[in-house]
Amino acid sequence: MALVSYRTRVNAPIEILWQHLLEKVETPEKFIPAVTRSEILGRPGPNTVDRLMYLDDGT
């Protein structure tokens, strides 16, 4: 499996970055085409989200 990484500077307040990261965690289907839906199972801590992601089987 290939691994690609990169870095970039982001000029935004930490609150905005956190908001966008949470959106990606809570609604991955908006960002990952193979995800058909997701469910938040719980929030066991202030910075923890338990979730299920359902993937398209490719057919």
C-alpha atoms as a PDB file:
ATOM      1  CA  MET A   1       0.000   0.000   0.000  1.00  0.00           C
ATOM      2  CA  ALA A   2       1.339   3.417  -0.925  1.00  0.00           C
ATOM      3  CA  LEU A   3       1.665   6.062   1.751  1.00  0.00           C
ATOM      4  CA  VAL A   4       1.564   9.734   0.880  1.00  0.00           C
ATOM      5  CA  SER A   5       1.965  12.612   3.287  1.00  0.00           C
ATOM      6  CA  TYR A   6       2.349  16.359   3.108  1.00  0.00           C
ATOM      7  CA  ARG A   7       2.334  19.383   5.348  1.00  0.00           C
ATOM      8  CA  THR A   8       0.852  22.809   4.915  1.00  0.00           C
ATOM      9  CA  ARG A   9       0.447  25.858   7.086  1.00  0.00           C
ATOM     10  CA  VAL A  10      -3.137  26.757   7.958  1.00  0.00           C
ATOM     11  CA  ASN A  11      -3.869  30.315   8.961  1.00  0.00           C
ATOM     12  CA  ALA A  12      -7.109  29.932  10.925  1.00  0.00           C
ATOM     13  CA  PRO A  13      -8.212  30.117  14.549  1.00  0.00           C
ATOM     14  CA  ILE A  14      -8.033  26.813  16.419  1.00  0.00           C
ATOM     15  CA  GLU A  15     -11.793  26.944  17.040  1.00  0.00           C
ATOM     16  CA  ILE A  16     -12.476  26.893  13.292  1.00  0.00           C
ATOM     17  CA  LEU A  17     -10.025  24.041  12.744  1.00  0.00           C
ATOM     18  CA  TRP A  18     -11.638  22.033  15.541  1.00  0.00           C
ATOM     19  CA  GLN A  19     -15.112  22.679  14.099  1.00  0.00           C
ATOM     20  CA  HIS A  20     -14.026  21.357  10.693  1.00  0.00           C
ATOM     21  CA  LEU A  21     -12.326  18.304  12.193  1.00  0.00           C
ATOM     22  CA  LEU A  22     -15.487  17.474  14.136  1.00  0.00           C
ATOM     23  CA  GLU A  23     -17.552  17.824  10.977  1.00  0.00           C
ATOM     24  CA  LYS A  24     -15.290  15.328   9.214  1.00  0.00           C
ATOM     25  CA  VAL A  25     -15.559  12.885  12.122  1.00  0.00           C
ATOM     26  CA  GLU A  26     -19.325  13.279  12.517  1.00  0.00           C
ATOM     27  CA  THR A  27     -20.230  13.208   8.802  1.00  0.00           C
ATOM     28  CA  PRO A  28     -17.494  11.282   6.975  1.00  0.00           C
ATOM     29  CA  GLU A  29     -19.836  10.558   4.055  1.00  0.00           C
ATOM     30  CA  LYS A  30     -19.438  14.213   3.021  1.00  0.00           C
ATOM     31  CA  PHE A  31     -15.677  13.729   2.645  1.00  0.00           C
ATOM     32  CA  ILE A  32     -15.064  10.035   1.867  1.00  0.00           C
ATOM     33  CA  PRO A  33     -16.897   8.812  -1.254  1.00  0.00           C
ATOM     34  CA  ALA A  34     -16.939   5.141  -0.181  1.00  0.00           C
ATOM     35  CA  VAL A  35     -18.832   5.939   3.042  1.00  0.00           C
ATOM     36  CA  THR A  36     -22.567   5.610   2.465  1.00  0.00           C
ATOM     37  CA  ARG A  37     -23.645   6.575   5.987  1.00  0.00           C
ATOM     38  CA  SER A  38     -22.375   6.805   9.528  1.00  0.00           C
ATOM     39  CA  GLU A  39     -23.758   6.605  13.044  1.00  0.00           C
ATOM     40  CA  ILE A  40     -22.494   8.292  16.182  1.00  0.00           C
ATOM     41  CA  LEU A  41     -22.650   5.623  18.900  1.00  0.00           C
ATOM     42  CA  GLY A  42     -21.599   7.816  21.758  1.00  0.00           C
ATOM     43  CA  ARG A  43     -19.290  10.460  23.114  1.00  0.00           C
ATOM     44  CA  PRO A  44     -17.410   8.860  25.993  1.00  0.00           C
ATOM     45  CA  GLY A  45     -15.266  11.933  26.579  1.00  0.00           C
ATOM     46  CA  PRO A  46     -15.044  15.590  25.633  1.00  0.00           C
ATOM     47  CA  ASN A  47     -12.733  14.846  22.693  1.00  0.00           C
ATOM     48  CA  THR A  48     -13.855  11.316  21.828  1.00  0.00           C
ATOM     49  CA  VAL A  49     -16.510  10.110  19.386  1.00  0.00           C
ATOM     50  CA  ASP A  50     -17.452   6.460  18.873  1.00  0.00           C
ATOM     51  CA  ARG A  51     -18.910   5.918  15.409  1.00  0.00           C
ATOM     52  CA  LEU A  52     -19.788   3.343  12.806  1.00  0.00           C
ATOM     53  CA  MET A  53     -19.109   3.956   9.134  1.00  0.00           C
ATOM     54  CA  TYR A  54     -20.881   2.002   6.417  1.00  0.00           C
ATOM     55  CA  LEU A  55     -18.885   1.561   3.229  1.00  0.00           C
ATOM     56  CA  ASP A  56     -20.104   1.019  -0.310  1.00  0.00           C
ATOM     57  CA  ASP A  57     -19.146  -2.500  -1.377  1.00  0.00           C
ATOM     58  CA  GLY A  58     -18.115  -1.221  -4.813  1.00  0.00           C
ATOM     59  CA  THR A  59     -20.847  -2.931  -6.814  1.00  0.00           C
END
